[in-house]
Protein backbone atom coordinates (compact mmCIF):
# COMPACT_ATOMS: atom_id res chain seq x y z
CA GLN A 1 -15.38 7.85 -9.51
CA VAL A 2 -12.71 6.15 -7.45
CA GLN A 3 -11.79 7.18 -3.94
CA LEU A 4 -9.02 5.60 -1.87
CA VAL A 5 -8.58 6.31 1.83
CA GLU A 6 -5.49 5.08 3.68
CA SER A 7 -5.11 4.67 7.42
CA GLY A 8 -2.85 2.99 9.94
CA GLY A 9 0.34 5.01 9.67
CA GLY A 10 2.26 6.28 12.66
CA LEU A 11 5.50 6.26 14.60
CA VAL A 12 7.11 2.90 15.37
CA GLN A 13 10.48 1.79 16.66
CA PRO A 14 12.89 -0.18 14.49
CA GLY A 15 11.91 -3.83 14.46
CA GLY A 16 8.28 -3.01 15.09
CA SER A 17 5.18 -3.63 12.99
CA LEU A 18 2.34 -1.63 11.47
CA ARG A 19 -0.63 -2.53 9.33
CA LEU A 20 -1.80 -0.05 6.75
CA SER A 21 -5.34 -0.16 5.42
CA CYS A 22 -6.83 1.24 2.25
CA ALA A 23 -10.58 1.56 1.79
CA ALA A 24 -11.48 1.54 -1.89
CA TYR A 25 -14.71 3.27 -2.82
CA VAL A 26 -15.29 1.70 -6.22
CA ARG A 27 -18.18 -0.13 -7.83
CA THR A 28 -16.31 -3.22 -8.97
CA PHE A 29 -13.39 -3.75 -6.63
CA PRO A 30 -12.36 -7.12 -8.17
CA ASN A 31 -11.71 -5.28 -11.44
CA TYR A 32 -8.86 -3.31 -9.90
CA VAL A 33 -5.23 -4.12 -9.52
CA MET A 34 -4.20 -2.63 -6.19
CA ALA A 35 -0.80 -1.48 -5.05
CA TRP A 36 1.11 0.30 -2.34
CA TYR A 37 3.73 2.93 -3.13
CA ARG A 38 5.88 5.03 -0.87
CA GLN A 39 7.78 8.27 -1.11
CA ALA A 40 10.54 9.28 1.26
CA PRO A 41 11.68 12.91 1.59
CA GLY A 42 13.82 13.92 -1.35
CA LYS A 43 13.20 10.67 -3.18
CA GLU A 44 10.95 9.53 -5.99
CA ARG A 45 7.81 7.56 -5.33
CA GLU A 46 8.54 3.83 -5.48
CA LEU A 47 6.42 0.72 -5.82
CA VAL A 48 6.26 -1.37 -2.65
CA ALA A 49 3.78 -4.14 -3.44
CA THR A 50 1.03 -5.08 -5.86
CA ILE A 51 -1.90 -7.47 -5.65
CA THR A 52 -4.16 -8.62 -8.44
CA SER A 53 -7.83 -9.53 -8.27
CA GLY A 54 -6.82 -13.14 -7.84
CA SER A 55 -4.51 -12.11 -4.96
CA SER A 56 -1.28 -12.74 -6.82
CA THR A 57 1.29 -10.51 -5.20
CA ASN A 58 4.62 -8.96 -6.04
CA ASN A 59 6.87 -7.14 -3.59
CA ALA A 60 9.83 -4.86 -4.06
CA ASP A 61 13.14 -6.50 -3.18
CA SER A 62 13.64 -4.03 -0.33
CA VAL A 63 10.56 -5.33 1.52
CA LYS A 64 10.49 -9.02 0.59
CA GLY A 65 10.13 -11.22 3.63
CA ARG A 66 8.98 -8.27 5.74
CA PHE A 67 5.87 -6.79 4.10
CA THR A 68 2.71 -8.63 3.05
CA VAL A 69 -0.05 -7.18 0.87
CA SER A 70 -3.57 -8.60 0.99
CA ARG A 71 -7.10 -7.67 -0.04
CA ASP A 72 -10.62 -8.35 1.15
CA HIS A 73 -13.21 -8.28 -1.61
CA ALA A 74 -16.11 -8.40 0.83
CA LYS A 75 -14.95 -5.14 2.43
CA ASN A 76 -13.26 -3.45 -0.55
CA MET A 77 -10.10 -3.20 1.49
CA VAL A 78 -6.40 -3.58 0.82
CA TYR A 79 -3.86 -4.06 3.57
CA LEU A 80 -0.10 -3.80 3.94
CA GLN A 81 1.29 -5.68 6.91
CA MET A 82 4.74 -4.33 7.66
CA ASN A 83 7.04 -6.25 9.99
CA SER A 84 10.67 -5.81 11.02
CA LEU A 85 10.46 -2.14 10.12
CA LYS A 86 13.66 -0.21 9.46
CA PRO A 87 14.39 3.52 9.53
CA GLU A 88 14.72 3.43 5.75
CA ASP A 89 11.05 2.40 5.55
CA THR A 90 10.13 5.90 6.71
CA ALA A 91 7.95 7.47 4.02
CA VAL A 92 4.47 8.52 3.05
CA TYR A 93 2.66 5.38 1.89
CA TYR A 94 0.08 5.65 -0.88
CA CYS A 95 -2.65 3.29 -1.99
CA ASN A 96 -3.01 2.92 -5.76
CA ALA A 97 -5.72 1.42 -7.94
CA ARG A 98 -5.86 0.65 -11.66
CA ASN A 99 -8.82 -0.82 -13.49
CA ILE A 100 -7.83 -3.87 -15.50
CA ALA A 101 -9.70 -2.42 -18.50
CA GLN A 102 -7.77 0.85 -18.30
CA LEU A 103 -4.39 0.18 -16.75
CA ASN A 104 -2.94 3.49 -17.92
CA THR A 105 -5.19 5.35 -15.49
CA ALA A 106 -4.08 5.30 -11.87
CA TYR A 107 -5.99 6.46 -8.82
CA TRP A 108 -4.26 7.53 -5.62
CA GLY A 109 -5.12 7.98 -1.99
CA GLN A 110 -3.97 10.94 0.08
CA GLY A 111 -1.18 8.96 1.75
CA THR A 112 -0.36 8.00 5.31
CA GLN A 113 2.90 8.79 7.09
CA VAL A 114 5.03 5.96 8.46
CA THR A 115 7.98 6.95 10.62
CA VAL A 116 10.43 4.37 11.93
CA SER A 117 12.62 5.87 14.63
CA PRO A 118 14.00 4.92 18.06
């Protein structure tokens, strides 16, 4: 069973920063590719960033240079550092996990709200 719990969302002014955290309750955390997605009101869920077991990362063009994804294998944690936030970053952010042996199966957290507003 896989459980993902996000935290760290909130209200921030444009140009500000937030760090999201995702606690992954899994037996073999290094076996999971981790990712952050987001969904804004009225829009489809979109991929924000991914990180492999070896900490190779890939970011969406819309967040490159502003967001950084990282993971801590000792703590089973994934982080999303978000800098230079814009109003269009407002969304519910979801943590996602996929086992490398079963990539077609995705696990999701409950989401955390990020609101960027003056």
